[in-house]
Amino acid sequence: MTNPTEKFSGIVEHFGECDMPWQVVLVPESISQEYKIMANCFGYIAATFTVGKSSWLSSLLPYGGGKHFVALPAKVRKANNIKLGDKVSVEFELRERS
């Protein structure tokens, strides 16, 4: 059985208060709610992500209040010339956690 591919767009923003905060895109609440049953005990939902020409394995990460975010690795931001405040399109497909 093939998992459906989800698509959404969002603004790249800072997350965290450390010296090097993450750059993330918030997942629309409707998508978080649709897949919350797939979350592990920590709220992570394993997926394969695609932004621009880059794909990587990660998870929808818990944001709080039943919401999730996608962390954008530096190599993905660099390869696609993504900066804070940019609007990006994110595709993902759920996967089994390995």
C-alpha atoms as a PDB file:
ATOM      1  CA  MET A   1       0.000   0.000   0.000  1.00  0.00           C
ATOM      2  CA  THR A   2       1.386   3.394  -0.986  1.00  0.00           C
ATOM      3  CA  ASN A   3       1.133   6.276   1.454  1.00  0.00           C
ATOM      4  CA  PRO A   4      -0.451   9.441   0.103  1.00  0.00           C
ATOM      5  CA  THR A   5       1.772  12.429  -0.569  1.00  0.00           C
ATOM      6  CA  GLU A   6       0.793  15.584   1.301  1.00  0.00           C
ATOM      7  CA  LYS A   7       1.713  19.077   0.142  1.00  0.00           C
ATOM      8  CA  PHE A   8       1.603  22.388   1.948  1.00  0.00           C
ATOM      9  CA  SER A   9       3.319  25.765   1.920  1.00  0.00           C
ATOM     10  CA  GLY A  10       4.609  27.827   4.781  1.00  0.00           C
ATOM     11  CA  ILE A  11       6.998  30.559   5.849  1.00  0.00           C
ATOM     12  CA  VAL A  12      10.484  29.646   7.084  1.00  0.00           C
ATOM     13  CA  GLU A  13      10.873  30.870  10.666  1.00  0.00           C
ATOM     14  CA  HIS A  14      13.120  30.486  13.695  1.00  0.00           C
ATOM     15  CA  PHE A  15      12.319  27.888  16.326  1.00  0.00           C
ATOM     16  CA  GLY A  16      14.190  27.655  19.598  1.00  0.00           C
ATOM     17  CA  GLU A  17      16.116  29.992  21.774  1.00  0.00           C
ATOM     18  CA  CYS A  18      19.641  28.591  21.550  1.00  0.00           C
ATOM     19  CA  ASP A  19      22.575  30.298  19.825  1.00  0.00           C
ATOM     20  CA  MET A  20      21.717  28.516  16.586  1.00  0.00           C
ATOM     21  CA  PRO A  21      17.929  28.173  16.456  1.00  0.00           C
ATOM     22  CA  TRP A  22      16.385  25.797  13.985  1.00  0.00           C
ATOM     23  CA  GLN A  23      14.779  27.046  10.809  1.00  0.00           C
ATOM     24  CA  VAL A  24      11.391  25.415  10.400  1.00  0.00           C
ATOM     25  CA  VAL A  25       8.075  25.445   8.567  1.00  0.00           C
ATOM     26  CA  LEU A  26       4.910  24.981  10.615  1.00  0.00           C
ATOM     27  CA  VAL A  27       2.592  22.218   9.420  1.00  0.00           C
ATOM     28  CA  PRO A  28      -1.039  23.291   8.925  1.00  0.00           C
ATOM     29  CA  GLU A  29      -3.137  22.196  11.903  1.00  0.00           C
ATOM     30  CA  SER A  30      -5.490  20.225   9.655  1.00  0.00           C
ATOM     31  CA  ILE A  31      -2.581  18.011   8.518  1.00  0.00           C
ATOM     32  CA  SER A  32      -1.251  17.576  12.068  1.00  0.00           C
ATOM     33  CA  GLN A  33      -4.698  16.500  13.239  1.00  0.00           C
ATOM     34  CA  GLU A  34      -5.172  14.116  10.311  1.00  0.00           C
ATOM     35  CA  TYR A  35      -1.993  12.196  11.139  1.00  0.00           C
ATOM     36  CA  LYS A  36      -1.803  12.504  14.936  1.00  0.00           C
ATOM     37  CA  ILE A  37      -2.805   8.846  15.339  1.00  0.00           C
ATOM     38  CA  MET A  38       0.472   7.949  13.558  1.00  0.00           C
ATOM     39  CA  ALA A  39       2.622   9.755  16.150  1.00  0.00           C
ATOM     40  CA  ASN A  40       4.920   7.822  18.445  1.00  0.00           C
ATOM     41  CA  CYS A  41       4.881   8.403  22.211  1.00  0.00           C
ATOM     42  CA  PHE A  42       6.952  11.588  21.755  1.00  0.00           C
ATOM     43  CA  GLY A  43       4.659  13.024  19.075  1.00  0.00           C
ATOM     44  CA  TYR A  44       7.014  12.367  16.130  1.00  0.00           C
ATOM     45  CA  ILE A  45       5.541  11.236  12.809  1.00  0.00           C
ATOM     46  CA  ALA A  46       8.149   9.621  10.515  1.00  0.00           C
ATOM     47  CA  ALA A  47       8.136  10.880   6.927  1.00  0.00           C
ATOM     48  CA  THR A  48      10.198  11.471   3.814  1.00  0.00           C
ATOM     49  CA  PHE A  49      10.265  15.174   2.899  1.00  0.00           C
ATOM     50  CA  THR A  50      10.904  17.025  -0.347  1.00  0.00           C
ATOM     51  CA  VAL A  51      11.569  20.738  -0.680  1.00  0.00           C
ATOM     52  CA  GLY A  52      12.706  21.962  -4.069  1.00  0.00           C
ATOM     53  CA  LYS A  53      15.334  19.551  -5.386  1.00  0.00           C
ATOM     54  CA  SER A  54      16.120  18.028  -1.964  1.00  0.00           C
ATOM     55  CA  SER A  55      14.630  14.980  -0.222  1.00  0.00           C
ATOM     56  CA  TRP A  56      15.466  13.651   3.255  1.00  0.00           C
ATOM     57  CA  LEU A  57      14.196  11.362   6.013  1.00  0.00           C
ATOM     58  CA  SER A  58      12.973  13.028   9.189  1.00  0.00           C
ATOM     59  CA  SER A  59       9.748  13.459  11.138  1.00  0.00           C
ATOM     60  CA  LEU A  60       6.914  15.855  11.646  1.00  0.00           C
ATOM     61  CA  LEU A  61       8.078  17.174  15.005  1.00  0.00           C
ATOM     62  CA  PRO A  62       5.745  18.209  17.836  1.00  0.00           C
ATOM     63  CA  TYR A  63       5.263  21.951  18.298  1.00  0.00           C
ATOM     64  CA  GLY A  64       2.738  21.794  21.122  1.00  0.00           C
ATOM     65  CA  GLY A  65      -1.024  21.970  21.233  1.00  0.00           C
ATOM     66  CA  GLY A  66      -1.318  19.119  18.731  1.00  0.00           C
ATOM     67  CA  LYS A  67       0.659  21.004  16.073  1.00  0.00           C
ATOM     68  CA  HIS A  68       3.837  19.943  14.246  1.00  0.00           C
ATOM     69  CA  PHE A  69       6.706  21.493  12.340  1.00  0.00           C
ATOM     70  CA  VAL A  70       9.293  20.419   9.765  1.00  0.00           C
ATOM     71  CA  ALA A  71      12.921  21.302  10.500  1.00  0.00           C
ATOM     72  CA  LEU A  72      14.817  22.391   7.382  1.00  0.00           C
ATOM     73  CA  PRO A  73      18.395  21.067   7.475  1.00  0.00           C
ATOM     74  CA  ALA A  74      21.152  23.521   6.519  1.00  0.00           C
ATOM     75  CA  LYS A  75      22.064  21.406   3.467  1.00  0.00           C
ATOM     76  CA  VAL A  76      18.464  21.651   2.195  1.00  0.00           C
ATOM     77  CA  ARG A  77      18.345  25.418   2.766  1.00  0.00           C
ATOM     78  CA  LYS A  78      21.692  25.887   1.015  1.00  0.00           C
ATOM     79  CA  ALA A  79      20.857  23.633  -1.964  1.00  0.00           C
ATOM     80  CA  ASN A  80      17.567  25.474  -2.538  1.00  0.00           C
ATOM     81  CA  ASN A  81      18.712  28.990  -1.551  1.00  0.00           C
ATOM     82  CA  ILE A  82      16.123  29.162   1.252  1.00  0.00           C
ATOM     83  CA  LYS A  83      16.282  31.967   3.802  1.00  0.00           C
ATOM     84  CA  LEU A  84      14.267  33.034   6.841  1.00  0.00           C
ATOM     85  CA  GLY A  85      10.954  34.540   5.767  1.00  0.00           C
ATOM     86  CA  ASP A  86      10.822  32.673   2.441  1.00  0.00           C
ATOM     87  CA  LYS A  87       7.638  30.825   1.522  1.00  0.00           C
ATOM     88  CA  VAL A  88       8.417  27.212   0.672  1.00  0.00           C
ATOM     89  CA  SER A  89       6.410  24.269  -0.600  1.00  0.00           C
ATOM     90  CA  VAL A  90       6.839  21.054   1.380  1.00  0.00           C
ATOM     91  CA  GLU A  91       5.864  17.558   0.220  1.00  0.00           C
ATOM     92  CA  PHE A  92       5.952  14.552   2.484  1.00  0.00           C
ATOM     93  CA  GLU A  93       5.046  10.891   2.550  1.00  0.00           C
ATOM     94  CA  LEU A  94       4.626   8.951   5.769  1.00  0.00           C
ATOM     95  CA  ARG A  95       7.080   6.112   6.311  1.00  0.00           C
ATOM     96  CA  GLU A  96       7.841   3.357   8.791  1.00  0.00           C
ATOM     97  CA  ARG A  97      10.342   4.421  11.417  1.00  0.00           C
ATOM     98  CA  SER A  98      13.583   2.505  10.865  1.00  0.00           C
END
